[in-house]
Amino acid sequence: MASSGNTTIQLYYSTTANSTPTAANLASGELALNSADGKLFYKDANNVVQVIATRSSGNATFNSITDTSLSANTIVYAGAGGLLSSSGNLAWNGSIVNITGGLNVSGNNVVFGSNAAITVPVGTTGQEPANATAGMFRFNTSTSGFEGYNGTAWGAVGGGATGGGSDHVFYLNSNAVNYSYTIPVGNNASSTGPLTLGNSVTITIPPSSRWVIL
């Protein structure tokens, strides 16, 4: 309702549901409103009537919107206050998702195709994570074998013997012991020497266990 004594500015409008203005109804720069549908129209440069916004449960729906603050090839998410943001740590280039940092999966299963393979971290013994946690798994290039962390120390995982071509002859172990280790109770251990123990390195052997150095 217009205030008394003031002039009302009124758009070209319709109160009929689903009524859309034609290009001939609108002059350049003119807006049209359908108050039944809650739609706002305009005529573009190609003489085509377009919808600017639509009422939908209190939200505006746009045909297109451009946010110049977003980065190319990044995944967009709703940030603080519902603002759209793009993550510099998560990117999609159309075929590969690149993640900088960690990935936590809360579901029960991660499924890969039959012809796929997982590339685990690859590095030397000196590159083992400083703050390792139980369950970590990697490939050690110093020993040419897979290893896992049991909560106390890194140890070989499967793989068995190795060799040239398809040979499975040689069991490898490092010739330097750089970290203290306790042989688990009820287990024995064997290594091929000579071995060099680093400063302050302690090997603890339970009374019922043996460590054999060949």
N, C-alpha and C. Protein backbone atom coordinates (compact mmCIF):
# COMPACT_ATOMS: atom_id res chain seq x y z
N MET A 1 0.86 -1.19 0.00
CA MET A 1 0.00 0.00 0.00
C MET A 1 0.89 1.24 0.00
N ALA A 2 0.59 2.17 -0.87
CA ALA A 2 1.39 3.39 -0.96
C ALA A 2 1.09 4.31 0.20
N SER A 3 2.14 5.00 0.65
CA SER A 3 1.95 5.98 1.71
C SER A 3 1.13 7.14 1.18
N SER A 4 0.33 7.73 2.05
CA SER A 4 -0.53 8.86 1.65
C SER A 4 0.33 10.03 1.17
N GLY A 5 0.01 10.54 0.00
CA GLY A 5 0.72 11.70 -0.53
C GLY A 5 1.94 11.36 -1.35
N ASN A 6 2.29 10.02 -1.48
CA ASN A 6 3.46 9.60 -2.24
C ASN A 6 3.02 8.94 -3.54
N THR A 7 3.91 8.98 -4.53
CA THR A 7 3.63 8.36 -5.83
C THR A 7 4.12 6.92 -5.83
N THR A 8 3.30 5.96 -6.21
CA THR A 8 3.67 4.55 -6.26
C THR A 8 4.44 4.24 -7.53
N ILE A 9 5.57 3.53 -7.39
CA ILE A 9 6.31 3.04 -8.55
C ILE A 9 5.89 1.59 -8.74
N GLN A 10 5.29 1.28 -9.84
CA GLN A 10 4.71 -0.03 -10.05
C GLN A 10 5.28 -0.66 -11.32
N LEU A 11 5.76 -1.93 -11.21
CA LEU A 11 6.27 -2.67 -12.36
C LEU A 11 5.12 -3.16 -13.21
N TYR A 12 5.44 -3.43 -14.45
CA TYR A 12 4.51 -4.17 -15.29
C TYR A 12 4.31 -5.51 -14.61
N TYR A 13 3.08 -5.94 -14.38
CA TYR A 13 2.87 -7.12 -13.57
C TYR A 13 1.64 -7.90 -14.02
N SER A 14 1.57 -9.14 -13.49
CA SER A 14 0.39 -9.99 -13.71
C SER A 14 0.09 -10.71 -12.41
N THR A 15 -1.19 -10.91 -12.15
CA THR A 15 -1.61 -11.67 -10.96
C THR A 15 -2.11 -13.06 -11.35
N THR A 16 -1.90 -13.43 -12.61
CA THR A 16 -2.35 -14.73 -13.11
C THR A 16 -1.21 -15.73 -13.04
N ALA A 17 -1.44 -16.85 -12.38
CA ALA A 17 -0.40 -17.87 -12.25
C ALA A 17 0.05 -18.37 -13.60
N ASN A 18 1.37 -18.60 -13.73
CA ASN A 18 1.99 -19.15 -14.94
C ASN A 18 1.95 -18.18 -16.12
N SER A 19 1.61 -16.94 -15.88
CA SER A 19 1.60 -15.96 -16.96
C SER A 19 3.01 -15.38 -17.14
N THR A 20 3.48 -15.40 -18.38
CA THR A 20 4.82 -14.92 -18.69
C THR A 20 4.73 -13.80 -19.72
N PRO A 21 5.41 -12.68 -19.51
CA PRO A 21 5.35 -11.60 -20.50
C PRO A 21 6.06 -12.00 -21.78
N THR A 22 5.62 -11.47 -22.88
CA THR A 22 6.30 -11.69 -24.15
C THR A 22 7.32 -10.59 -24.37
N ALA A 23 8.20 -10.79 -25.34
CA ALA A 23 9.21 -9.78 -25.64
C ALA A 23 8.56 -8.47 -26.06
N ALA A 24 7.40 -8.58 -26.74
CA ALA A 24 6.72 -7.37 -27.19
C ALA A 24 6.13 -6.59 -26.03
N ASN A 25 5.87 -7.28 -24.88
CA ASN A 25 5.32 -6.61 -23.71
C ASN A 25 6.34 -5.72 -23.01
N LEU A 26 7.64 -6.02 -23.20
CA LEU A 26 8.67 -5.36 -22.41
C LEU A 26 9.56 -4.46 -23.26
N ALA A 27 9.86 -3.30 -22.73
CA ALA A 27 10.83 -2.41 -23.36
C ALA A 27 12.21 -2.74 -22.80
N SER A 28 13.25 -2.32 -23.48
CA SER A 28 14.61 -2.57 -23.00
C SER A 28 14.79 -1.96 -21.61
N GLY A 29 15.30 -2.73 -20.67
CA GLY A 29 15.51 -2.24 -19.32
C GLY A 29 14.29 -2.34 -18.43
N GLU A 30 13.15 -2.78 -18.99
CA GLU A 30 11.93 -2.88 -18.18
C GLU A 30 11.85 -4.23 -17.47
N LEU A 31 11.34 -4.23 -16.24
CA LEU A 31 11.13 -5.44 -15.46
C LEU A 31 9.64 -5.77 -15.43
N ALA A 32 9.37 -7.06 -15.27
CA ALA A 32 7.98 -7.50 -15.14
C ALA A 32 7.89 -8.47 -13.98
N LEU A 33 6.75 -8.43 -13.27
CA LEU A 33 6.58 -9.25 -12.09
C LEU A 33 5.30 -10.07 -12.20
N ASN A 34 5.38 -11.37 -11.89
CA ASN A 34 4.19 -12.19 -11.73
C ASN A 34 4.02 -12.38 -10.23
N SER A 35 3.07 -11.67 -9.64
CA SER A 35 2.90 -11.69 -8.19
C SER A 35 2.29 -12.99 -7.70
N ALA A 36 1.67 -13.77 -8.61
CA ALA A 36 1.10 -15.06 -8.22
C ALA A 36 2.19 -16.11 -8.09
N ASP A 37 3.13 -16.10 -9.04
CA ASP A 37 4.23 -17.08 -9.03
C ASP A 37 5.44 -16.59 -8.27
N GLY A 38 5.55 -15.29 -8.05
CA GLY A 38 6.73 -14.73 -7.41
C GLY A 38 7.93 -14.72 -8.33
N LYS A 39 7.71 -14.49 -9.64
CA LYS A 39 8.80 -14.48 -10.61
C LYS A 39 9.04 -13.07 -11.13
N LEU A 40 10.32 -12.76 -11.34
CA LEU A 40 10.72 -11.46 -11.88
C LEU A 40 11.38 -11.68 -13.23
N PHE A 41 10.93 -10.92 -14.27
CA PHE A 41 11.38 -11.12 -15.63
C PHE A 41 12.09 -9.88 -16.17
N TYR A 42 12.94 -10.12 -17.21
CA TYR A 42 13.51 -9.03 -17.99
C TYR A 42 13.74 -9.53 -19.41
N LYS A 43 13.96 -8.61 -20.34
CA LYS A 43 14.24 -8.98 -21.73
C LYS A 43 15.72 -8.78 -21.99
N ASP A 44 16.40 -9.86 -22.47
CA ASP A 44 17.84 -9.75 -22.69
C ASP A 44 18.16 -9.12 -24.04
N ALA A 45 19.45 -9.01 -24.37
CA ALA A 45 19.90 -8.34 -25.59
C ALA A 45 19.48 -9.08 -26.85
N ASN A 46 19.12 -10.35 -26.71
CA ASN A 46 18.68 -11.15 -27.85
C ASN A 46 17.15 -11.14 -28.00
N ASN A 47 16.51 -10.22 -27.25
CA ASN A 47 15.06 -10.06 -27.32
C ASN A 47 14.31 -11.30 -26.79
N VAL A 48 14.96 -11.97 -25.80
CA VAL A 48 14.36 -13.15 -25.17
C VAL A 48 14.04 -12.81 -23.72
N VAL A 49 12.84 -13.16 -23.28
CA VAL A 49 12.44 -12.90 -21.90
C VAL A 49 13.08 -13.94 -20.98
N GLN A 50 13.77 -13.48 -19.95
CA GLN A 50 14.46 -14.35 -19.01
C GLN A 50 13.91 -14.13 -17.60
N VAL A 51 14.02 -15.19 -16.78
CA VAL A 51 13.62 -15.10 -15.37
C VAL A 51 14.83 -14.68 -14.55
N ILE A 52 14.74 -13.59 -13.83
CA ILE A 52 15.84 -13.16 -12.96
C ILE A 52 15.81 -13.93 -11.65
N ALA A 53 14.65 -14.06 -11.04
CA ALA A 53 14.55 -14.71 -9.75
C ALA A 53 13.18 -15.36 -9.60
N THR A 54 13.13 -16.38 -8.76
CA THR A 54 11.89 -17.09 -8.50
C THR A 54 11.72 -17.29 -7.01
N ARG A 55 10.52 -17.04 -6.53
CA ARG A 55 10.23 -17.31 -5.12
C ARG A 55 10.13 -18.81 -4.92
N SER A 56 10.89 -19.35 -3.95
CA SER A 56 10.85 -20.79 -3.66
C SER A 56 11.15 -21.00 -2.20
N SER A 57 10.11 -21.12 -1.39
CA SER A 57 10.25 -21.33 0.06
C SER A 57 11.15 -20.28 0.70
N GLY A 58 11.03 -19.06 0.23
CA GLY A 58 11.81 -17.99 0.82
C GLY A 58 13.19 -17.83 0.21
N ASN A 59 13.56 -18.71 -0.77
CA ASN A 59 14.87 -18.64 -1.39
C ASN A 59 14.75 -18.16 -2.83
N ALA A 60 15.73 -17.41 -3.29
CA ALA A 60 15.74 -16.96 -4.68
C ALA A 60 16.47 -17.97 -5.55
N THR A 61 15.91 -18.28 -6.73
CA THR A 61 16.53 -19.20 -7.67
C THR A 61 16.98 -18.44 -8.89
N PHE A 62 18.26 -18.56 -9.25
CA PHE A 62 18.83 -17.83 -10.37
C PHE A 62 19.15 -18.79 -11.50
N ASN A 63 18.97 -18.33 -12.73
CA ASN A 63 19.35 -19.13 -13.88
C ASN A 63 20.87 -19.28 -13.98
N SER A 64 21.58 -18.24 -13.61
CA SER A 64 23.04 -18.30 -13.62
C SER A 64 23.58 -17.28 -12.64
N ILE A 65 24.76 -17.58 -12.10
CA ILE A 65 25.40 -16.67 -11.18
C ILE A 65 26.91 -16.87 -11.27
N THR A 66 27.67 -15.81 -11.22
CA THR A 66 29.13 -15.88 -11.30
C THR A 66 29.75 -15.33 -10.04
N ASP A 67 30.65 -16.12 -9.43
CA ASP A 67 31.39 -15.67 -8.25
C ASP A 67 32.85 -15.59 -8.65
N THR A 68 33.37 -14.40 -8.82
CA THR A 68 34.75 -14.22 -9.30
C THR A 68 35.81 -14.54 -8.25
N SER A 69 35.38 -14.83 -7.00
CA SER A 69 36.36 -15.15 -5.96
C SER A 69 36.71 -16.64 -5.93
N LEU A 70 35.99 -17.45 -6.70
CA LEU A 70 36.25 -18.90 -6.71
C LEU A 70 37.42 -19.22 -7.63
N SER A 71 38.15 -20.29 -7.31
CA SER A 71 39.31 -20.70 -8.09
C SER A 71 38.91 -21.76 -9.12
N ALA A 72 39.56 -21.73 -10.28
CA ALA A 72 39.26 -22.70 -11.33
C ALA A 72 39.64 -24.10 -10.89
N ASN A 73 38.83 -25.08 -11.28
CA ASN A 73 39.08 -26.51 -11.05
C ASN A 73 39.06 -26.93 -9.59
N THR A 74 38.58 -26.05 -8.69
CA THR A 74 38.48 -26.45 -7.30
C THR A 74 37.05 -26.82 -6.97
N ILE A 75 36.87 -27.59 -5.91
CA ILE A 75 35.54 -28.02 -5.48
C ILE A 75 34.95 -26.95 -4.58
N VAL A 76 33.72 -26.55 -4.88
CA VAL A 76 33.05 -25.47 -4.16
C VAL A 76 32.24 -26.03 -2.99
N TYR A 77 32.31 -25.35 -1.86
CA TYR A 77 31.55 -25.77 -0.69
C TYR A 77 30.95 -24.53 -0.01
N ALA A 78 30.00 -24.77 0.88
CA ALA A 78 29.38 -23.67 1.61
C ALA A 78 30.25 -23.33 2.81
N GLY A 79 30.77 -22.11 2.82
CA GLY A 79 31.64 -21.67 3.91
C GLY A 79 30.85 -20.98 5.01
N ALA A 80 31.55 -20.17 5.79
CA ALA A 80 30.92 -19.47 6.90
C ALA A 80 29.80 -18.57 6.41
N GLY A 81 28.67 -18.62 7.12
CA GLY A 81 27.53 -17.79 6.75
C GLY A 81 26.86 -18.22 5.47
N GLY A 82 27.18 -19.44 4.99
CA GLY A 82 26.56 -19.93 3.76
C GLY A 82 27.20 -19.39 2.49
N LEU A 83 28.33 -18.68 2.62
CA LEU A 83 29.01 -18.13 1.44
C LEU A 83 29.72 -19.24 0.68
N LEU A 84 29.71 -19.16 -0.64
CA LEU A 84 30.40 -20.15 -1.46
C LEU A 84 31.89 -19.90 -1.42
N SER A 85 32.66 -20.97 -1.19
CA SER A 85 34.11 -20.88 -1.14
C SER A 85 34.70 -22.04 -1.94
N SER A 86 35.94 -21.89 -2.39
CA SER A 86 36.63 -22.97 -3.08
C SER A 86 37.86 -23.35 -2.26
N SER A 87 38.06 -24.66 -2.10
CA SER A 87 39.16 -25.14 -1.27
C SER A 87 40.44 -25.26 -2.07
N GLY A 88 41.51 -24.68 -1.57
CA GLY A 88 42.81 -24.83 -2.22
C GLY A 88 43.40 -26.21 -1.99
N ASN A 89 42.82 -26.98 -1.04
CA ASN A 89 43.35 -28.31 -0.71
C ASN A 89 42.59 -29.43 -1.40
N LEU A 90 41.51 -29.10 -2.11
CA LEU A 90 40.70 -30.11 -2.76
C LEU A 90 40.36 -29.62 -4.16
N ALA A 91 40.82 -30.33 -5.17
CA ALA A 91 40.65 -29.88 -6.55
C ALA A 91 40.20 -31.03 -7.44
N TRP A 92 39.39 -30.71 -8.44
CA TRP A 92 38.90 -31.70 -9.41
C TRP A 92 39.18 -31.14 -10.80
N ASN A 93 40.00 -31.85 -11.58
CA ASN A 93 40.36 -31.35 -12.91
C ASN A 93 39.57 -32.02 -14.02
N GLY A 94 38.52 -32.72 -13.66
CA GLY A 94 37.69 -33.40 -14.65
C GLY A 94 37.91 -34.89 -14.68
N SER A 95 39.05 -35.37 -14.18
CA SER A 95 39.32 -36.80 -14.17
C SER A 95 39.94 -37.27 -12.86
N ILE A 96 40.64 -36.38 -12.15
CA ILE A 96 41.32 -36.77 -10.92
C ILE A 96 40.99 -35.77 -9.82
N VAL A 97 40.71 -36.29 -8.61
CA VAL A 97 40.53 -35.45 -7.44
C VAL A 97 41.88 -35.38 -6.72
N ASN A 98 42.41 -34.19 -6.54
CA ASN A 98 43.68 -33.99 -5.86
C ASN A 98 43.44 -33.44 -4.46
N ILE A 99 44.00 -34.09 -3.45
CA ILE A 99 43.82 -33.69 -2.06
C ILE A 99 45.17 -33.35 -1.47
N THR A 100 45.29 -32.13 -0.94
CA THR A 100 46.50 -31.72 -0.24
C THR A 100 46.20 -31.80 1.26
N GLY A 101 46.90 -32.67 1.97
CA GLY A 101 46.61 -32.89 3.38
C GLY A 101 46.14 -34.30 3.60
N GLY A 102 45.32 -34.53 4.62
CA GLY A 102 44.87 -35.87 4.97
C GLY A 102 43.48 -36.16 4.43
N LEU A 103 43.13 -37.44 4.44
CA LEU A 103 41.81 -37.90 4.02
C LEU A 103 41.30 -38.89 5.05
N ASN A 104 40.16 -38.57 5.66
CA ASN A 104 39.53 -39.47 6.62
C ASN A 104 38.24 -40.00 6.03
N VAL A 105 38.10 -41.33 5.99
CA VAL A 105 36.90 -41.97 5.45
C VAL A 105 36.13 -42.57 6.61
N SER A 106 34.90 -42.09 6.82
CA SER A 106 34.11 -42.57 7.96
C SER A 106 33.26 -43.78 7.61
N GLY A 107 33.11 -44.08 6.32
CA GLY A 107 32.34 -45.25 5.92
C GLY A 107 33.07 -46.55 6.18
N ASN A 108 32.41 -47.66 5.91
CA ASN A 108 33.00 -48.96 6.20
C ASN A 108 33.87 -49.49 5.07
N ASN A 109 33.57 -49.12 3.83
CA ASN A 109 34.27 -49.71 2.69
C ASN A 109 34.72 -48.66 1.69
N VAL A 110 35.89 -48.89 1.12
CA VAL A 110 36.36 -48.12 -0.03
C VAL A 110 36.57 -49.13 -1.14
N VAL A 111 35.86 -48.98 -2.26
CA VAL A 111 35.87 -49.99 -3.32
C VAL A 111 36.58 -49.45 -4.55
N PHE A 112 37.50 -50.26 -5.11
CA PHE A 112 38.21 -49.90 -6.32
C PHE A 112 37.89 -50.92 -7.40
N GLY A 113 38.07 -50.54 -8.65
CA GLY A 113 37.83 -51.44 -9.76
C GLY A 113 38.84 -52.58 -9.80
N SER A 114 38.47 -53.65 -10.52
CA SER A 114 39.32 -54.85 -10.58
C SER A 114 40.67 -54.58 -11.21
N ASN A 115 40.75 -53.64 -12.12
CA ASN A 115 42.01 -53.34 -12.80
C ASN A 115 42.77 -52.18 -12.17
N ALA A 116 42.30 -51.76 -10.98
CA ALA A 116 42.93 -50.61 -10.33
C ALA A 116 44.00 -51.06 -9.34
N ALA A 117 44.77 -50.13 -8.85
CA ALA A 117 45.80 -50.38 -7.85
C ALA A 117 45.95 -49.15 -6.97
N ILE A 118 46.38 -49.36 -5.74
CA ILE A 118 46.61 -48.28 -4.80
C ILE A 118 48.11 -48.03 -4.70
N THR A 119 48.52 -46.80 -4.85
CA THR A 119 49.93 -46.45 -4.65
C THR A 119 50.09 -45.92 -3.23
N VAL A 120 50.80 -46.70 -2.39
CA VAL A 120 51.00 -46.30 -1.00
C VAL A 120 52.22 -45.39 -0.92
N PRO A 121 52.43 -44.70 0.21
CA PRO A 121 53.62 -43.86 0.34
C PRO A 121 54.91 -44.66 0.12
N VAL A 122 55.84 -44.08 -0.61
CA VAL A 122 57.11 -44.73 -0.94
C VAL A 122 58.25 -43.85 -0.46
N GLY A 123 59.19 -44.44 0.30
CA GLY A 123 60.32 -43.65 0.79
C GLY A 123 61.31 -44.50 1.53
N THR A 124 62.40 -43.89 1.94
CA THR A 124 63.47 -44.59 2.65
C THR A 124 63.11 -44.78 4.13
N THR A 125 63.95 -45.51 4.82
CA THR A 125 63.76 -45.68 6.27
C THR A 125 63.80 -44.33 6.97
N GLY A 126 64.68 -43.46 6.52
CA GLY A 126 64.81 -42.14 7.14
C GLY A 126 63.60 -41.25 6.90
N GLN A 127 62.74 -41.64 5.97
CA GLN A 127 61.55 -40.85 5.67
C GLN A 127 60.30 -41.40 6.35
N GLU A 128 60.44 -42.38 7.21
CA GLU A 128 59.29 -42.87 7.96
C GLU A 128 58.69 -41.74 8.78
N PRO A 129 57.34 -41.66 8.88
CA PRO A 129 56.71 -40.57 9.63
C PRO A 129 57.24 -40.48 11.06
N ALA A 130 57.56 -39.26 11.50
CA ALA A 130 58.11 -39.07 12.84
C ALA A 130 57.08 -39.39 13.91
N ASN A 131 55.82 -39.07 13.67
CA ASN A 131 54.76 -39.34 14.65
C ASN A 131 53.86 -40.45 14.14
N ALA A 132 54.42 -41.62 13.95
CA ALA A 132 53.68 -42.75 13.40
C ALA A 132 52.62 -43.24 14.37
N THR A 133 51.52 -43.76 13.82
CA THR A 133 50.46 -44.36 14.63
C THR A 133 50.20 -45.76 14.13
N ALA A 134 49.68 -46.60 15.00
CA ALA A 134 49.42 -48.00 14.67
C ALA A 134 48.52 -48.11 13.45
N GLY A 135 48.91 -48.99 12.53
CA GLY A 135 48.12 -49.21 11.32
C GLY A 135 48.69 -48.54 10.09
N MET A 136 49.70 -47.69 10.25
CA MET A 136 50.30 -47.04 9.07
C MET A 136 51.00 -48.08 8.19
N PHE A 137 50.98 -47.84 6.88
CA PHE A 137 51.49 -48.81 5.91
C PHE A 137 52.21 -48.05 4.80
N ARG A 138 53.38 -48.52 4.39
CA ARG A 138 54.16 -47.85 3.35
C ARG A 138 55.12 -48.83 2.69
N PHE A 139 55.78 -48.38 1.60
CA PHE A 139 56.82 -49.18 0.96
C PHE A 139 58.16 -48.55 1.25
N ASN A 140 59.08 -49.34 1.82
CA ASN A 140 60.39 -48.85 2.23
C ASN A 140 61.41 -49.15 1.14
N THR A 141 61.95 -48.10 0.51
CA THR A 141 62.92 -48.30 -0.56
C THR A 141 64.29 -48.71 -0.03
N SER A 142 64.54 -48.50 1.25
CA SER A 142 65.83 -48.91 1.82
C SER A 142 65.90 -50.43 1.94
N THR A 143 64.76 -51.06 2.22
CA THR A 143 64.71 -52.51 2.38
C THR A 143 64.01 -53.19 1.21
N SER A 144 63.50 -52.38 0.26
CA SER A 144 62.76 -52.90 -0.90
C SER A 144 61.59 -53.79 -0.46
N GLY A 145 60.90 -53.37 0.58
CA GLY A 145 59.77 -54.15 1.06
C GLY A 145 58.70 -53.28 1.70
N PHE A 146 57.52 -53.85 1.84
CA PHE A 146 56.43 -53.15 2.52
C PHE A 146 56.63 -53.23 4.02
N GLU A 147 56.18 -52.21 4.72
CA GLU A 147 56.30 -52.19 6.17
C GLU A 147 55.08 -51.55 6.80
N GLY A 148 54.82 -51.92 8.04
CA GLY A 148 53.70 -51.36 8.78
C GLY A 148 54.14 -51.00 10.19
N TYR A 149 53.37 -50.10 10.81
CA TYR A 149 53.71 -49.66 12.18
C TYR A 149 52.71 -50.29 13.15
N ASN A 150 53.24 -50.99 14.17
CA ASN A 150 52.38 -51.73 15.10
C ASN A 150 52.06 -50.95 16.37
N GLY A 151 52.40 -49.68 16.40
CA GLY A 151 52.17 -48.87 17.58
C GLY A 151 53.44 -48.65 18.38
N THR A 152 54.46 -49.46 18.10
CA THR A 152 55.75 -49.34 18.78
C THR A 152 56.90 -49.17 17.80
N ALA A 153 56.85 -49.94 16.72
CA ALA A 153 57.95 -49.90 15.75
C ALA A 153 57.46 -50.29 14.37
N TRP A 154 58.29 -49.97 13.38
CA TRP A 154 58.00 -50.39 12.02
C TRP A 154 58.50 -51.80 11.81
N GLY A 155 57.76 -52.61 11.04
CA GLY A 155 58.17 -53.99 10.76
C GLY A 155 57.77 -54.38 9.35
N ALA A 156 58.46 -55.40 8.82
CA ALA A 156 58.18 -55.87 7.47
C ALA A 156 56.77 -56.45 7.39
N VAL A 157 56.14 -56.24 6.24
CA VAL A 157 54.81 -56.76 6.00
C VAL A 157 54.83 -57.60 4.73
N GLY A 158 54.61 -58.89 4.86
CA GLY A 158 54.49 -59.77 3.70
C GLY A 158 55.66 -59.63 2.75
N GLY A 159 55.39 -59.89 1.50
CA GLY A 159 56.41 -59.72 0.48
C GLY A 159 57.33 -60.92 0.33
N GLY A 160 57.74 -61.52 1.47
CA GLY A 160 58.63 -62.67 1.41
C GLY A 160 59.95 -62.34 0.78
N ALA A 161 60.55 -63.37 0.15
CA ALA A 161 61.86 -63.19 -0.47
C ALA A 161 61.71 -62.45 -1.79
N THR A 162 62.82 -61.87 -2.24
CA THR A 162 62.84 -61.15 -3.51
C THR A 162 64.07 -61.55 -4.29
N GLY A 163 64.21 -61.03 -5.51
CA GLY A 163 65.36 -61.35 -6.33
C GLY A 163 65.20 -60.81 -7.72
N GLY A 164 66.13 -61.13 -8.64
CA GLY A 164 66.04 -60.66 -10.00
C GLY A 164 64.94 -61.38 -10.76
N GLY A 165 64.25 -60.66 -11.65
CA GLY A 165 63.18 -61.27 -12.43
C GLY A 165 62.09 -61.84 -11.55
N SER A 166 61.79 -63.12 -11.73
CA SER A 166 60.76 -63.78 -10.91
C SER A 166 61.36 -64.57 -9.76
N ASP A 167 62.67 -64.39 -9.48
CA ASP A 167 63.32 -65.12 -8.38
C ASP A 167 62.79 -64.66 -7.03
N HIS A 168 62.67 -65.58 -6.09
CA HIS A 168 62.32 -65.27 -4.70
C HIS A 168 63.35 -65.97 -3.81
N VAL A 169 64.49 -65.30 -3.63
CA VAL A 169 65.64 -65.93 -2.99
C VAL A 169 66.11 -65.18 -1.76
N PHE A 170 66.10 -63.85 -1.82
CA PHE A 170 66.78 -63.05 -0.81
C PHE A 170 65.81 -62.39 0.17
N TYR A 171 66.07 -62.58 1.45
CA TYR A 171 65.35 -61.87 2.51
C TYR A 171 66.23 -60.72 2.97
N LEU A 172 65.76 -59.51 2.87
CA LEU A 172 66.59 -58.34 3.13
C LEU A 172 66.27 -57.72 4.48
N ASN A 173 67.31 -57.24 5.15
CA ASN A 173 67.12 -56.40 6.32
C ASN A 173 68.19 -55.32 6.34
N SER A 174 67.87 -54.20 6.94
CA SER A 174 68.83 -53.10 7.01
C SER A 174 70.05 -53.52 7.83
N ASN A 175 71.18 -52.86 7.58
CA ASN A 175 72.38 -53.18 8.35
C ASN A 175 72.62 -52.16 9.46
N ALA A 176 71.66 -51.27 9.66
CA ALA A 176 71.78 -50.28 10.74
C ALA A 176 70.48 -50.28 11.53
N VAL A 177 70.61 -50.29 12.86
CA VAL A 177 69.45 -50.22 13.75
C VAL A 177 69.44 -48.82 14.34
N ASN A 178 68.48 -48.02 13.90
CA ASN A 178 68.45 -46.61 14.31
C ASN A 178 67.43 -46.32 15.41
N TYR A 179 66.55 -47.27 15.68
CA TYR A 179 65.51 -47.05 16.68
C TYR A 179 65.46 -48.22 17.66
N SER A 180 65.15 -47.93 18.89
CA SER A 180 65.02 -48.97 19.91
C SER A 180 63.84 -49.87 19.56
N TYR A 181 63.95 -51.13 19.94
CA TYR A 181 62.89 -52.09 19.61
C TYR A 181 62.80 -53.15 20.70
N THR A 182 61.57 -53.55 20.98
CA THR A 182 61.32 -54.63 21.94
C THR A 182 60.67 -55.78 21.20
N ILE A 183 61.31 -56.95 21.25
CA ILE A 183 60.71 -58.13 20.62
C ILE A 183 59.47 -58.52 21.43
N PRO A 184 58.32 -58.64 20.79
CA PRO A 184 57.10 -58.98 21.52
C PRO A 184 57.23 -60.31 22.26
N VAL A 185 56.66 -60.38 23.45
CA VAL A 185 56.68 -61.62 24.24
C VAL A 185 56.07 -62.76 23.43
N GLY A 186 56.74 -63.93 23.47
CA GLY A 186 56.25 -65.08 22.72
C GLY A 186 56.75 -65.14 21.30
N ASN A 187 57.66 -64.21 20.94
CA ASN A 187 58.21 -64.17 19.58
C ASN A 187 59.72 -64.22 19.61
N ASN A 188 60.32 -64.80 18.56
CA ASN A 188 61.75 -64.77 18.35
C ASN A 188 62.04 -63.88 17.15
N ALA A 189 63.30 -63.51 16.97
CA ALA A 189 63.68 -62.66 15.84
C ALA A 189 65.01 -63.11 15.28
N SER A 190 65.21 -62.88 13.98
CA SER A 190 66.48 -63.19 13.35
C SER A 190 66.85 -62.06 12.40
N SER A 191 68.15 -61.81 12.29
CA SER A 191 68.66 -60.78 11.39
C SER A 191 69.97 -61.27 10.81
N THR A 192 70.33 -60.67 9.67
CA THR A 192 71.61 -60.98 9.06
C THR A 192 72.56 -59.82 9.32
N GLY A 193 73.74 -60.13 9.88
CA GLY A 193 74.70 -59.10 10.21
C GLY A 193 75.75 -58.94 9.13
N PRO A 194 76.69 -58.03 9.34
CA PRO A 194 76.82 -57.27 10.60
C PRO A 194 75.77 -56.17 10.72
N LEU A 195 75.47 -55.82 11.99
CA LEU A 195 74.52 -54.77 12.30
C LEU A 195 75.20 -53.69 13.10
N THR A 196 74.82 -52.46 12.85
CA THR A 196 75.33 -51.32 13.61
C THR A 196 74.19 -50.68 14.36
N LEU A 197 74.33 -50.57 15.70
CA LEU A 197 73.30 -49.94 16.52
C LEU A 197 73.61 -48.46 16.69
N GLY A 198 72.62 -47.62 16.50
CA GLY A 198 72.79 -46.20 16.66
C GLY A 198 72.95 -45.82 18.12
N ASN A 199 73.36 -44.58 18.38
CA ASN A 199 73.54 -44.11 19.75
C ASN A 199 72.24 -44.20 20.52
N SER A 200 72.32 -44.71 21.73
CA SER A 200 71.18 -44.82 22.65
C SER A 200 70.12 -45.80 22.17
N VAL A 201 70.41 -46.59 21.14
CA VAL A 201 69.44 -47.59 20.66
C VAL A 201 69.50 -48.82 21.56
N THR A 202 68.36 -49.30 21.98
CA THR A 202 68.28 -50.47 22.86
C THR A 202 67.37 -51.52 22.24
N ILE A 203 67.85 -52.75 22.19
CA ILE A 203 67.05 -53.87 21.73
C ILE A 203 66.68 -54.69 22.97
N THR A 204 65.40 -54.79 23.26
CA THR A 204 64.94 -55.50 24.44
C THR A 204 64.43 -56.88 24.03
N ILE A 205 65.02 -57.92 24.65
CA ILE A 205 64.66 -59.30 24.33
C ILE A 205 64.03 -59.93 25.57
N PRO A 206 62.75 -60.29 25.53
CA PRO A 206 62.11 -60.92 26.70
C PRO A 206 62.84 -62.20 27.09
N PRO A 207 62.76 -62.61 28.36
CA PRO A 207 63.46 -63.82 28.83
C PRO A 207 63.13 -65.06 28.03
N SER A 208 61.92 -65.17 27.51
CA SER A 208 61.52 -66.38 26.78
C SER A 208 61.76 -66.27 25.28
N SER A 209 62.41 -65.21 24.84
CA SER A 209 62.61 -65.01 23.39
C SER A 209 64.09 -65.03 23.05
N ARG A 210 64.38 -65.15 21.73
CA ARG A 210 65.75 -65.15 21.24
C ARG A 210 65.86 -64.24 20.02
N TRP A 211 67.03 -63.60 19.90
CA TRP A 211 67.35 -62.84 18.71
C TRP A 211 68.61 -63.45 18.11
N VAL A 212 68.49 -64.02 16.93
CA VAL A 212 69.60 -64.69 16.29
C VAL A 212 70.12 -63.80 15.16
N ILE A 213 71.44 -63.52 15.20
CA ILE A 213 72.07 -62.71 14.16
C ILE A 213 72.99 -63.63 13.37
N LEU A 214 72.71 -63.78 12.09
CA LEU A 214 73.49 -64.70 11.25
C LEU A 214 74.69 -63.99 10.63
